[in-house]
Amino acid sequence: MTNERKELRHYLGASGIFVLIVSLLLFLSFVEIPPVNKDLFVAIVGTLVSSLGMVVYTIIGQQPDEVNKLQKKNESLTSINDQMEVRNDQLEQMIIDMQKEMIEKLTELKSTKK
């Protein structure tokens, strides 16, 4: 439950920053910034726009921690799959050997009855 809240919080925060940047750009298209505050405003806008990549990355649902966690899980599952394939091959060989032994014993029994 807390993981869902954390994801929701990340999503809402990223969406909020995205809306803030878009509204800021709309604001700049209609209002002129006074020369006294221009440098400060440019620095703030630059900081917000530089975080836009991470915001979009979070909005589409791919967080760096999540991607790393999924890669580790994928590697783990691949390793387990390889182990299971080896074990499956061993079990198949055991079944084949057992069938051969049964066929040999049945053939011996059949030949001794005659």
N, C-alpha and C. Protein backbone atom coordinates (compact mmCIF):
# COMPACT_ATOMS: atom_id res chain seq x y z
N MET A 1 0.82 -1.19 0.00
CA MET A 1 0.00 0.00 0.00
C MET A 1 0.87 1.26 0.00
N THR A 2 1.96 1.25 0.75
CA THR A 2 2.81 2.43 0.80
C THR A 2 3.54 2.62 -0.53
N ASN A 3 3.82 1.51 -1.23
CA ASN A 3 4.48 1.61 -2.53
C ASN A 3 3.57 2.31 -3.53
N GLU A 4 2.27 2.00 -3.47
CA GLU A 4 1.32 2.66 -4.36
C GLU A 4 1.23 4.15 -4.04
N ARG A 5 1.25 4.50 -2.77
CA ARG A 5 1.21 5.92 -2.39
C ARG A 5 2.47 6.64 -2.85
N LYS A 6 3.60 5.95 -2.73
CA LYS A 6 4.87 6.55 -3.16
C LYS A 6 4.84 6.80 -4.66
N GLU A 7 4.36 5.82 -5.43
CA GLU A 7 4.26 5.99 -6.87
C GLU A 7 3.31 7.12 -7.23
N LEU A 8 2.19 7.19 -6.52
CA LEU A 8 1.21 8.26 -6.77
C LEU A 8 1.82 9.62 -6.45
N ARG A 9 2.56 9.69 -5.36
CA ARG A 9 3.20 10.94 -4.97
C ARG A 9 4.23 11.37 -6.01
N HIS A 10 5.02 10.42 -6.52
CA HIS A 10 6.00 10.74 -7.56
C HIS A 10 5.30 11.23 -8.83
N TYR A 11 4.24 10.54 -9.19
CA TYR A 11 3.50 10.89 -10.40
C TYR A 11 2.88 12.28 -10.27
N LEU A 12 2.24 12.55 -9.13
CA LEU A 12 1.61 13.86 -8.94
C LEU A 12 2.65 14.97 -8.86
N GLY A 13 3.77 14.72 -8.21
CA GLY A 13 4.83 15.72 -8.13
C GLY A 13 5.40 16.04 -9.50
N ALA A 14 5.65 15.01 -10.28
CA ALA A 14 6.18 15.22 -11.63
C ALA A 14 5.17 15.96 -12.50
N SER A 15 3.92 15.58 -12.38
CA SER A 15 2.87 16.27 -13.15
C SER A 15 2.75 17.73 -12.73
N GLY A 16 2.88 17.99 -11.44
CA GLY A 16 2.81 19.36 -10.93
C GLY A 16 3.95 20.22 -11.49
N ILE A 17 5.16 19.67 -11.50
CA ILE A 17 6.29 20.42 -12.05
C ILE A 17 6.11 20.67 -13.54
N PHE A 18 5.60 19.66 -14.26
CA PHE A 18 5.36 19.82 -15.69
C PHE A 18 4.33 20.92 -15.95
N VAL A 19 3.25 20.91 -15.17
CA VAL A 19 2.22 21.96 -15.32
C VAL A 19 2.80 23.32 -14.96
N LEU A 20 3.65 23.38 -13.94
CA LEU A 20 4.28 24.63 -13.54
C LEU A 20 5.15 25.18 -14.67
N ILE A 21 5.92 24.33 -15.31
CA ILE A 21 6.79 24.79 -16.40
C ILE A 21 5.97 25.28 -17.59
N VAL A 22 4.92 24.55 -17.94
CA VAL A 22 4.07 24.96 -19.06
C VAL A 22 3.37 26.27 -18.75
N SER A 23 2.86 26.40 -17.52
CA SER A 23 2.17 27.65 -17.16
C SER A 23 3.17 28.81 -17.11
N LEU A 24 4.40 28.54 -16.69
CA LEU A 24 5.43 29.58 -16.67
C LEU A 24 5.75 30.06 -18.09
N LEU A 25 5.83 29.11 -19.01
CA LEU A 25 6.08 29.49 -20.40
C LEU A 25 4.91 30.28 -20.99
N LEU A 26 3.70 29.89 -20.64
CA LEU A 26 2.53 30.66 -21.08
C LEU A 26 2.55 32.07 -20.48
N PHE A 27 2.92 32.15 -19.21
CA PHE A 27 3.02 33.44 -18.53
C PHE A 27 4.03 34.34 -19.23
N LEU A 28 5.18 33.75 -19.59
CA LEU A 28 6.22 34.52 -20.26
C LEU A 28 5.80 34.99 -21.65
N SER A 29 4.90 34.28 -22.27
CA SER A 29 4.47 34.71 -23.60
C SER A 29 3.53 35.92 -23.54
N PHE A 30 2.94 36.20 -22.39
CA PHE A 30 2.02 37.33 -22.27
C PHE A 30 2.55 38.49 -21.43
N VAL A 31 3.46 38.22 -20.50
CA VAL A 31 3.93 39.26 -19.57
C VAL A 31 5.44 39.46 -19.75
N GLU A 32 5.86 40.72 -19.74
CA GLU A 32 7.28 41.03 -19.86
C GLU A 32 7.89 41.13 -18.47
N ILE A 33 9.06 40.52 -18.29
CA ILE A 33 9.75 40.53 -17.01
C ILE A 33 10.57 41.81 -16.91
N PRO A 34 10.51 42.52 -15.77
CA PRO A 34 11.31 43.75 -15.61
C PRO A 34 12.80 43.42 -15.64
N PRO A 35 13.61 44.31 -16.18
CA PRO A 35 15.06 44.06 -16.31
C PRO A 35 15.75 43.81 -14.97
N VAL A 36 15.22 44.33 -13.89
CA VAL A 36 15.83 44.15 -12.57
C VAL A 36 15.75 42.67 -12.16
N ASN A 37 14.66 42.00 -12.46
CA ASN A 37 14.46 40.61 -12.03
C ASN A 37 14.77 39.59 -13.13
N LYS A 38 15.23 40.07 -14.26
CA LYS A 38 15.40 39.18 -15.41
C LYS A 38 16.42 38.07 -15.14
N ASP A 39 17.58 38.40 -14.59
CA ASP A 39 18.61 37.39 -14.35
C ASP A 39 18.14 36.31 -13.36
N LEU A 40 17.50 36.74 -12.28
CA LEU A 40 16.98 35.80 -11.30
C LEU A 40 15.92 34.89 -11.93
N PHE A 41 15.04 35.49 -12.71
CA PHE A 41 13.97 34.74 -13.34
C PHE A 41 14.51 33.73 -14.35
N VAL A 42 15.53 34.15 -15.12
CA VAL A 42 16.15 33.24 -16.11
C VAL A 42 16.81 32.07 -15.40
N ALA A 43 17.46 32.32 -14.26
CA ALA A 43 18.10 31.25 -13.50
C ALA A 43 17.06 30.25 -12.99
N ILE A 44 15.94 30.75 -12.48
CA ILE A 44 14.88 29.87 -11.97
C ILE A 44 14.26 29.05 -13.10
N VAL A 45 13.98 29.70 -14.21
CA VAL A 45 13.39 29.00 -15.35
C VAL A 45 14.37 27.95 -15.89
N GLY A 46 15.64 28.28 -15.95
CA GLY A 46 16.65 27.32 -16.41
C GLY A 46 16.71 26.09 -15.52
N THR A 47 16.63 26.29 -14.22
CA THR A 47 16.64 25.16 -13.29
C THR A 47 15.42 24.28 -13.48
N LEU A 48 14.26 24.90 -13.65
CA LEU A 48 13.04 24.12 -13.85
C LEU A 48 13.07 23.35 -15.17
N VAL A 49 13.52 24.01 -16.21
CA VAL A 49 13.55 23.35 -17.52
C VAL A 49 14.59 22.22 -17.53
N SER A 50 15.68 22.37 -16.80
CA SER A 50 16.69 21.31 -16.77
C SER A 50 16.15 20.04 -16.09
N SER A 51 15.19 20.20 -15.21
CA SER A 51 14.59 19.02 -14.55
C SER A 51 13.46 18.42 -15.37
N LEU A 52 13.16 19.01 -16.52
CA LEU A 52 12.04 18.54 -17.33
C LEU A 52 12.24 17.10 -17.82
N GLY A 53 13.46 16.71 -18.13
CA GLY A 53 13.72 15.35 -18.59
C GLY A 53 13.35 14.32 -17.55
N MET A 54 13.77 14.55 -16.31
CA MET A 54 13.44 13.63 -15.23
C MET A 54 11.94 13.63 -14.95
N VAL A 55 11.32 14.78 -15.10
CA VAL A 55 9.87 14.88 -14.87
C VAL A 55 9.13 14.02 -15.88
N VAL A 56 9.48 14.16 -17.13
CA VAL A 56 8.81 13.37 -18.18
C VAL A 56 9.10 11.89 -17.96
N TYR A 57 10.31 11.55 -17.57
CA TYR A 57 10.69 10.17 -17.30
C TYR A 57 9.83 9.59 -16.19
N THR A 58 9.55 10.39 -15.16
CA THR A 58 8.72 9.93 -14.06
C THR A 58 7.26 9.85 -14.46
N ILE A 59 6.80 10.80 -15.26
CA ILE A 59 5.38 10.80 -15.66
C ILE A 59 5.05 9.57 -16.49
N ILE A 60 5.95 9.16 -17.35
CA ILE A 60 5.65 7.99 -18.17
C ILE A 60 5.86 6.69 -17.40
N GLY A 61 6.28 6.80 -16.14
CA GLY A 61 6.32 5.64 -15.26
C GLY A 61 7.63 4.90 -15.21
N GLN A 62 8.69 5.47 -15.65
CA GLN A 62 9.98 4.79 -15.62
C GLN A 62 10.92 5.56 -14.70
N GLN A 63 10.98 5.13 -13.48
CA GLN A 63 11.88 5.76 -12.52
C GLN A 63 13.20 5.00 -12.54
N PRO A 64 14.32 5.69 -12.40
CA PRO A 64 15.63 5.01 -12.48
C PRO A 64 15.76 3.86 -11.47
N ASP A 65 15.28 4.05 -10.25
CA ASP A 65 15.37 2.98 -9.25
C ASP A 65 14.55 1.78 -9.69
N GLU A 66 13.39 2.06 -10.25
CA GLU A 66 12.51 0.98 -10.70
C GLU A 66 13.16 0.21 -11.85
N VAL A 67 13.79 0.92 -12.77
CA VAL A 67 14.44 0.27 -13.91
C VAL A 67 15.59 -0.61 -13.41
N ASN A 68 16.41 -0.11 -12.47
CA ASN A 68 17.52 -0.91 -11.93
C ASN A 68 17.00 -2.14 -11.20
N LYS A 69 15.93 -1.96 -10.43
CA LYS A 69 15.36 -3.07 -9.69
C LYS A 69 14.84 -4.15 -10.65
N LEU A 70 14.17 -3.71 -11.71
CA LEU A 70 13.64 -4.67 -12.68
C LEU A 70 14.76 -5.38 -13.44
N GLN A 71 15.87 -4.68 -13.71
CA GLN A 71 17.00 -5.32 -14.38
C GLN A 71 17.62 -6.40 -13.49
N LYS A 72 17.76 -6.09 -12.19
CA LYS A 72 18.31 -7.09 -11.26
C LYS A 72 17.38 -8.29 -11.15
N LYS A 73 16.08 -8.02 -11.10
CA LYS A 73 15.11 -9.11 -11.01
C LYS A 73 15.16 -9.96 -12.28
N ASN A 74 15.31 -9.32 -13.42
CA ASN A 74 15.40 -10.04 -14.69
C ASN A 74 16.64 -10.93 -14.72
N GLU A 75 17.76 -10.41 -14.25
CA GLU A 75 18.99 -11.20 -14.20
C GLU A 75 18.82 -12.40 -13.26
N SER A 76 18.19 -12.17 -12.13
CA SER A 76 17.95 -13.24 -11.16
C SER A 76 17.06 -14.33 -11.78
N LEU A 77 16.01 -13.91 -12.44
CA LEU A 77 15.10 -14.88 -13.06
C LEU A 77 15.79 -15.63 -14.19
N THR A 78 16.67 -14.96 -14.92
CA THR A 78 17.42 -15.64 -15.97
C THR A 78 18.33 -16.71 -15.38
N SER A 79 18.97 -16.39 -14.27
CA SER A 79 19.84 -17.35 -13.60
C SER A 79 19.03 -18.55 -13.11
N ILE A 80 17.90 -18.29 -12.50
CA ILE A 80 17.04 -19.37 -12.02
C ILE A 80 16.56 -20.22 -13.18
N ASN A 81 16.22 -19.58 -14.29
CA ASN A 81 15.78 -20.30 -15.47
C ASN A 81 16.87 -21.23 -15.99
N ASP A 82 18.10 -20.74 -16.02
CA ASP A 82 19.21 -21.58 -16.47
C ASP A 82 19.40 -22.79 -15.56
N GLN A 83 19.29 -22.58 -14.25
CA GLN A 83 19.41 -23.68 -13.29
C GLN A 83 18.28 -24.70 -13.49
N MET A 84 17.09 -24.20 -13.74
CA MET A 84 15.94 -25.09 -13.94
C MET A 84 16.09 -25.89 -15.23
N GLU A 85 16.67 -25.31 -16.26
CA GLU A 85 16.91 -26.04 -17.51
C GLU A 85 17.89 -27.18 -17.28
N VAL A 86 18.95 -26.91 -16.52
CA VAL A 86 19.93 -27.95 -16.23
C VAL A 86 19.27 -29.07 -15.43
N ARG A 87 18.50 -28.69 -14.42
CA ARG A 87 17.81 -29.70 -13.59
C ARG A 87 16.81 -30.49 -14.42
N ASN A 88 16.10 -29.83 -15.32
CA ASN A 88 15.15 -30.51 -16.19
C ASN A 88 15.87 -31.52 -17.08
N ASP A 89 17.01 -31.14 -17.62
CA ASP A 89 17.79 -32.06 -18.45
C ASP A 89 18.24 -33.28 -17.64
N GLN A 90 18.64 -33.04 -16.39
CA GLN A 90 19.05 -34.16 -15.53
C GLN A 90 17.88 -35.10 -15.28
N LEU A 91 16.71 -34.55 -14.99
CA LEU A 91 15.53 -35.38 -14.74
C LEU A 91 15.12 -36.15 -15.99
N GLU A 92 15.19 -35.53 -17.13
CA GLU A 92 14.87 -36.22 -18.38
C GLU A 92 15.82 -37.39 -18.60
N GLN A 93 17.10 -37.18 -18.34
CA GLN A 93 18.08 -38.26 -18.50
C GLN A 93 17.80 -39.39 -17.52
N MET A 94 17.41 -39.04 -16.29
CA MET A 94 17.07 -40.07 -15.32
C MET A 94 15.87 -40.90 -15.79
N ILE A 95 14.87 -40.25 -16.35
CA ILE A 95 13.69 -40.95 -16.85
C ILE A 95 14.07 -41.86 -18.01
N ILE A 96 14.92 -41.37 -18.92
CA ILE A 96 15.36 -42.18 -20.05
C ILE A 96 16.11 -43.41 -19.56
N ASP A 97 17.01 -43.23 -18.58
CA ASP A 97 17.76 -44.35 -18.02
C ASP A 97 16.84 -45.35 -17.34
N MET A 98 15.86 -44.84 -16.62
CA MET A 98 14.92 -45.71 -15.94
C MET A 98 14.09 -46.51 -16.95
N GLN A 99 13.68 -45.87 -18.03
CA GLN A 99 12.92 -46.57 -19.06
C GLN A 99 13.77 -47.66 -19.71
N LYS A 100 15.04 -47.37 -19.96
CA LYS A 100 15.93 -48.37 -20.55
C LYS A 100 16.06 -49.59 -19.63
N GLU A 101 16.23 -49.31 -18.32
CA GLU A 101 16.34 -50.41 -17.35
C GLU A 101 15.07 -51.24 -17.31
N MET A 102 13.93 -50.57 -17.34
CA MET A 102 12.65 -51.29 -17.31
C MET A 102 12.50 -52.16 -18.56
N ILE A 103 12.86 -51.62 -19.71
CA ILE A 103 12.76 -52.38 -20.96
C ILE A 103 13.68 -53.59 -20.91
N GLU A 104 14.88 -53.41 -20.40
CA GLU A 104 15.82 -54.52 -20.30
C GLU A 104 15.29 -55.59 -19.36
N LYS A 105 14.75 -55.19 -18.20
CA LYS A 105 14.23 -56.16 -17.24
C LYS A 105 13.02 -56.88 -17.80
N LEU A 106 12.13 -56.15 -18.48
CA LEU A 106 10.96 -56.79 -19.07
C LEU A 106 11.37 -57.75 -20.17
N THR A 107 12.37 -57.38 -20.93
CA THR A 107 12.86 -58.27 -21.99
C THR A 107 13.47 -59.52 -21.40
N GLU A 108 14.21 -59.39 -20.33
CA GLU A 108 14.78 -60.56 -19.64
C GLU A 108 13.69 -61.45 -19.08
N LEU A 109 12.66 -60.85 -18.47
CA LEU A 109 11.56 -61.64 -17.92
C LEU A 109 10.83 -62.40 -19.02
N LYS A 110 10.63 -61.76 -20.12
CA LYS A 110 9.91 -62.37 -21.25
C LYS A 110 10.73 -63.53 -21.82
N SER A 111 12.03 -63.34 -21.92
CA SER A 111 12.88 -64.39 -22.48
C SER A 111 13.03 -65.56 -21.50
N THR A 112 12.99 -65.32 -20.20
CA THR A 112 13.12 -66.42 -19.24
C THR A 112 11.82 -67.23 -19.13
N LYS A 113 10.69 -66.67 -19.44
CA LYS A 113 9.41 -67.37 -19.36
C LYS A 113 9.30 -68.40 -20.48
N LYS A 114 9.91 -68.20 -21.57
CA LYS A 114 9.77 -69.12 -22.71
C LYS A 114 10.61 -70.29 -22.56
